[in-house]
Structures are given as structure tokens and as C-alpha cells.
């Protein structure tokens, strides 16, 4: 059940009430019996599941891809011989 915030227009008393969606709004202040109004504020947003985080779209980094085979080392070039 949601929690609603109320503020009295007459005395300024602020209070919260846990009410069902089908419950009628509170119209009377519990302190001075004056008229109250609902106070609306920002709500926190919670993202659940995959796809909401920056790391969800990244691929794992590997040092050597599994499909690549290591290349054999090249043989050193032959040294020229001296002819006399």
C-alpha cells in the first residue's frame, strides 16, 4: 500500500498516511481539524532486470580471442657468408 503525505493548510502540520488506492483521501487535519492537502514529491525509480546497466552491453575482454590461433615465430634470416 502506498504512503501519502499530507499538509494542513491552516496550521502547517505535515503527516503521512498509509492508504489503499481505493481509500478516500484524508480531508481533515488530526491536530486542528483544518483542511489538508496532499503533498506530491519526486519518487525514486528502481530499475530491475538486465539491460539497465552500462556493463550489460559490454562483452568480456580477453587477452587472446578463442578463435585466433597463435602464429609461429619467424625463423631468423640467414647471415650472408663472406667469400674471399
N, C-alpha and C. Protein backbone atom coordinates (compact mmCIF):
# COMPACT_ATOMS: atom_id res chain seq x y z
N UNK A 1 0.84 -1.17 0.00
CA UNK A 1 0.00 0.00 0.00
C UNK A 1 0.89 1.25 0.00
N UNK A 2 0.47 2.25 -0.75
CA UNK A 2 1.29 3.47 -0.83
C UNK A 2 1.16 4.35 0.42
N UNK A 3 2.20 5.14 0.64
CA UNK A 3 2.20 6.11 1.73
C UNK A 3 2.00 7.50 1.12
N UNK A 4 1.02 8.22 1.62
CA UNK A 4 0.71 9.56 1.12
C UNK A 4 1.13 10.59 2.15
N UNK A 5 1.60 11.74 1.67
CA UNK A 5 1.97 12.84 2.55
C UNK A 5 0.87 13.90 2.49
N UNK A 6 0.54 14.44 3.64
CA UNK A 6 -0.48 15.48 3.74
C UNK A 6 0.10 16.67 4.49
N UNK A 7 -0.43 17.86 4.21
CA UNK A 7 -0.08 19.08 4.94
C UNK A 7 -1.35 19.87 5.20
N UNK A 8 -1.45 20.40 6.41
CA UNK A 8 -2.62 21.19 6.78
C UNK A 8 -2.46 22.60 6.24
N UNK A 9 -3.51 23.13 5.64
CA UNK A 9 -3.50 24.49 5.10
C UNK A 9 -3.60 25.53 6.22
N UNK A 10 -4.20 25.15 7.36
CA UNK A 10 -4.42 26.10 8.45
C UNK A 10 -3.22 26.20 9.39
N UNK A 11 -2.75 25.07 9.92
CA UNK A 11 -1.68 25.11 10.93
C UNK A 11 -0.31 24.68 10.40
N UNK A 12 -0.24 24.11 9.19
CA UNK A 12 1.03 23.70 8.60
C UNK A 12 1.51 22.33 9.05
N UNK A 13 0.70 21.63 9.85
CA UNK A 13 1.08 20.29 10.32
C UNK A 13 1.24 19.34 9.13
N UNK A 14 2.35 18.60 9.07
CA UNK A 14 2.60 17.63 8.00
C UNK A 14 2.59 16.23 8.58
N UNK A 15 1.95 15.30 7.87
CA UNK A 15 1.90 13.91 8.34
C UNK A 15 1.77 12.98 7.15
N UNK A 16 2.02 11.70 7.41
CA UNK A 16 1.93 10.65 6.39
C UNK A 16 0.82 9.69 6.76
N UNK A 17 0.23 9.07 5.75
CA UNK A 17 -0.82 8.08 5.97
C UNK A 17 -0.65 6.95 4.96
N UNK A 18 -0.71 5.72 5.43
CA UNK A 18 -0.65 4.55 4.56
C UNK A 18 -2.09 4.22 4.19
N UNK A 19 -2.39 4.33 2.89
CA UNK A 19 -3.75 4.13 2.43
C UNK A 19 -3.77 3.26 1.18
N UNK A 20 -4.86 2.55 0.99
CA UNK A 20 -5.08 1.79 -0.22
C UNK A 20 -5.49 2.74 -1.34
N UNK A 21 -5.35 2.28 -2.57
CA UNK A 21 -5.78 3.11 -3.71
C UNK A 21 -7.28 3.40 -3.65
N UNK A 22 -8.04 2.50 -3.10
CA UNK A 22 -9.49 2.67 -3.06
C UNK A 22 -9.96 3.50 -1.87
N UNK A 23 -9.08 3.80 -0.89
CA UNK A 23 -9.46 4.62 0.26
C UNK A 23 -9.68 6.07 -0.16
N UNK A 24 -10.59 6.73 0.51
CA UNK A 24 -10.84 8.15 0.26
C UNK A 24 -9.68 8.97 0.84
N UNK A 25 -9.37 10.10 0.21
CA UNK A 25 -8.31 10.97 0.69
C UNK A 25 -8.70 11.58 2.03
N UNK A 26 -7.72 11.84 2.88
CA UNK A 26 -7.97 12.49 4.17
C UNK A 26 -8.23 13.97 3.90
N UNK A 27 -9.25 14.52 4.54
CA UNK A 27 -9.61 15.91 4.31
C UNK A 27 -9.49 16.78 5.56
N UNK A 28 -9.28 16.16 6.74
CA UNK A 28 -9.26 16.90 7.99
C UNK A 28 -7.96 16.67 8.75
N UNK A 29 -7.37 17.74 9.24
CA UNK A 29 -6.12 17.68 9.99
C UNK A 29 -6.36 17.04 11.36
N UNK A 30 -5.52 16.10 11.77
CA UNK A 30 -5.71 15.48 13.09
C UNK A 30 -5.35 16.43 14.24
N UNK A 31 -4.62 17.50 13.98
CA UNK A 31 -4.21 18.43 15.03
C UNK A 31 -5.26 19.52 15.28
N UNK A 32 -5.64 20.24 14.19
CA UNK A 32 -6.52 21.39 14.38
C UNK A 32 -7.87 21.25 13.68
N UNK A 33 -8.09 20.13 13.02
CA UNK A 33 -9.33 19.85 12.27
C UNK A 33 -9.50 20.77 11.07
N UNK A 34 -8.39 21.38 10.61
CA UNK A 34 -8.43 22.24 9.43
C UNK A 34 -8.38 21.40 8.15
N UNK A 35 -8.42 22.09 7.02
CA UNK A 35 -8.40 21.43 5.72
C UNK A 35 -6.97 21.01 5.37
N UNK A 36 -6.81 19.78 4.85
CA UNK A 36 -5.48 19.29 4.45
C UNK A 36 -5.43 19.09 2.94
N UNK A 37 -4.22 19.05 2.44
CA UNK A 37 -4.00 18.78 1.01
C UNK A 37 -2.90 17.74 0.90
N UNK A 38 -2.93 16.99 -0.20
CA UNK A 38 -1.87 16.01 -0.46
C UNK A 38 -0.62 16.75 -0.92
N UNK A 39 0.52 16.25 -0.48
CA UNK A 39 1.80 16.82 -0.89
C UNK A 39 2.42 15.84 -1.88
N UNK A 40 2.74 16.34 -3.07
CA UNK A 40 3.33 15.49 -4.10
C UNK A 40 4.82 15.78 -4.19
N UNK A 41 5.61 14.74 -4.27
CA UNK A 41 7.06 14.90 -4.37
C UNK A 41 7.60 13.88 -5.36
N UNK A 42 8.87 14.01 -5.66
CA UNK A 42 9.51 13.08 -6.59
C UNK A 42 9.58 11.69 -5.97
N UNK A 43 9.50 10.70 -6.82
CA UNK A 43 9.60 9.33 -6.35
C UNK A 43 10.91 8.73 -6.85
N UNK A 44 11.44 7.81 -6.09
CA UNK A 44 12.65 7.11 -6.51
C UNK A 44 12.32 6.08 -7.56
N UNK A 45 13.17 5.92 -8.54
CA UNK A 45 12.95 4.95 -9.60
C UNK A 45 13.94 3.81 -9.41
N UNK A 46 13.42 2.59 -9.47
CA UNK A 46 14.26 1.41 -9.32
C UNK A 46 14.19 0.61 -10.61
N UNK A 47 15.33 0.41 -11.26
CA UNK A 47 15.40 -0.38 -12.48
C UNK A 47 15.83 -1.79 -12.10
N UNK A 48 15.01 -2.76 -12.41
CA UNK A 48 15.33 -4.15 -12.09
C UNK A 48 15.44 -4.94 -13.38
N UNK A 49 16.28 -5.95 -13.37
CA UNK A 49 16.44 -6.80 -14.53
C UNK A 49 17.65 -6.42 -15.35
N UNK A 50 17.87 -7.13 -16.43
CA UNK A 50 19.03 -6.86 -17.26
C UNK A 50 18.73 -5.77 -18.27
N UNK A 51 19.77 -5.14 -18.77
CA UNK A 51 19.61 -4.13 -19.79
C UNK A 51 19.63 -2.70 -19.29
N UNK A 52 19.68 -2.49 -17.98
CA UNK A 52 19.63 -1.15 -17.44
C UNK A 52 20.99 -0.61 -17.03
N UNK A 53 21.99 -1.46 -17.03
CA UNK A 53 23.30 -1.02 -16.55
C UNK A 53 24.28 -0.92 -17.70
N UNK A 54 25.27 -0.04 -17.56
CA UNK A 54 26.25 0.18 -18.61
C UNK A 54 27.03 -1.10 -18.91
N UNK A 55 27.24 -1.93 -17.91
CA UNK A 55 28.02 -3.15 -18.10
C UNK A 55 27.24 -4.27 -18.77
N UNK A 56 25.92 -4.14 -18.90
CA UNK A 56 25.13 -5.20 -19.53
C UNK A 56 25.40 -5.33 -21.02
N UNK A 57 25.81 -4.26 -21.68
CA UNK A 57 26.02 -4.32 -23.12
C UNK A 57 27.47 -4.57 -23.50
N UNK A 58 28.34 -4.67 -22.52
CA UNK A 58 29.75 -4.90 -22.81
C UNK A 58 30.03 -6.38 -22.97
N UNK A 59 31.04 -6.66 -23.79
CA UNK A 59 31.49 -8.04 -23.91
C UNK A 59 32.70 -8.21 -23.02
N UNK A 60 32.94 -9.40 -22.60
CA UNK A 60 34.07 -9.67 -21.72
C UNK A 60 35.37 -9.48 -22.50
N UNK A 61 36.33 -8.83 -21.86
CA UNK A 61 37.63 -8.61 -22.51
C UNK A 61 38.50 -9.82 -22.25
N UNK A 62 39.14 -10.31 -23.31
CA UNK A 62 40.07 -11.42 -23.17
C UNK A 62 41.40 -11.00 -23.76
N UNK A 63 42.48 -11.64 -23.32
CA UNK A 63 43.79 -11.28 -23.84
C UNK A 63 43.99 -11.83 -25.24
N UNK A 64 43.53 -13.03 -25.49
CA UNK A 64 43.63 -13.65 -26.80
C UNK A 64 42.26 -14.21 -27.16
N UNK A 65 41.68 -13.77 -28.26
CA UNK A 65 40.39 -14.34 -28.64
C UNK A 65 40.51 -15.84 -28.87
N UNK A 66 39.46 -16.56 -28.55
CA UNK A 66 39.49 -18.02 -28.65
C UNK A 66 39.57 -18.50 -30.09
N UNK A 67 39.12 -17.72 -31.04
CA UNK A 67 39.12 -18.15 -32.44
C UNK A 67 40.48 -17.94 -33.10
N UNK A 68 41.33 -17.13 -32.51
CA UNK A 68 42.63 -16.83 -33.11
C UNK A 68 43.67 -17.84 -32.62
N UNK A 69 44.42 -18.42 -33.56
CA UNK A 69 45.48 -19.35 -33.19
C UNK A 69 46.79 -18.59 -33.13
N UNK A 70 47.68 -18.95 -32.23
CA UNK A 70 48.95 -18.24 -32.15
C UNK A 70 49.79 -18.48 -33.40
N UNK A 71 50.47 -17.43 -33.83
CA UNK A 71 51.31 -17.52 -35.03
C UNK A 71 52.68 -18.05 -34.64
N UNK A 72 53.27 -18.93 -35.49
CA UNK A 72 54.61 -19.43 -35.17
C UNK A 72 55.64 -18.31 -35.33
N UNK A 73 56.70 -18.40 -34.55
CA UNK A 73 57.75 -17.39 -34.61
C UNK A 73 58.49 -17.51 -35.94
N UNK A 74 58.81 -16.38 -36.53
CA UNK A 74 59.51 -16.38 -37.82
C UNK A 74 60.97 -16.80 -37.60
N UNK A 75 61.50 -17.59 -38.53
CA UNK A 75 62.90 -18.02 -38.44
C UNK A 75 63.80 -16.83 -38.77
N UNK A 76 64.94 -16.71 -38.12
CA UNK A 76 65.83 -15.57 -38.42
C UNK A 76 66.38 -15.69 -39.84
N UNK A 77 66.61 -14.57 -40.44
CA UNK A 77 67.15 -14.54 -41.81
C UNK A 77 68.58 -15.06 -41.81
N UNK A 78 68.97 -15.82 -42.84
CA UNK A 78 70.34 -16.34 -42.88
C UNK A 78 71.34 -15.21 -43.05
N UNK A 79 72.51 -15.38 -42.40
CA UNK A 79 73.56 -14.36 -42.47
C UNK A 79 74.33 -14.56 -43.78
N UNK A 80 74.68 -13.47 -44.42
CA UNK A 80 75.46 -13.63 -45.66
C UNK A 80 76.87 -14.15 -45.31
N UNK A 81 77.37 -14.99 -46.16
CA UNK A 81 78.72 -15.53 -45.94
C UNK A 81 79.75 -14.67 -46.65
N UNK A 82 80.93 -14.63 -46.09
CA UNK A 82 81.99 -13.86 -46.72
C UNK A 82 82.69 -14.74 -47.74
N UNK A 83 82.83 -14.25 -48.90
CA UNK A 83 83.57 -15.02 -49.91
C UNK A 83 84.88 -14.32 -50.19
N UNK A 84 85.97 -15.04 -50.13
CA UNK A 84 87.27 -14.47 -50.36
C UNK A 84 87.85 -14.96 -51.63
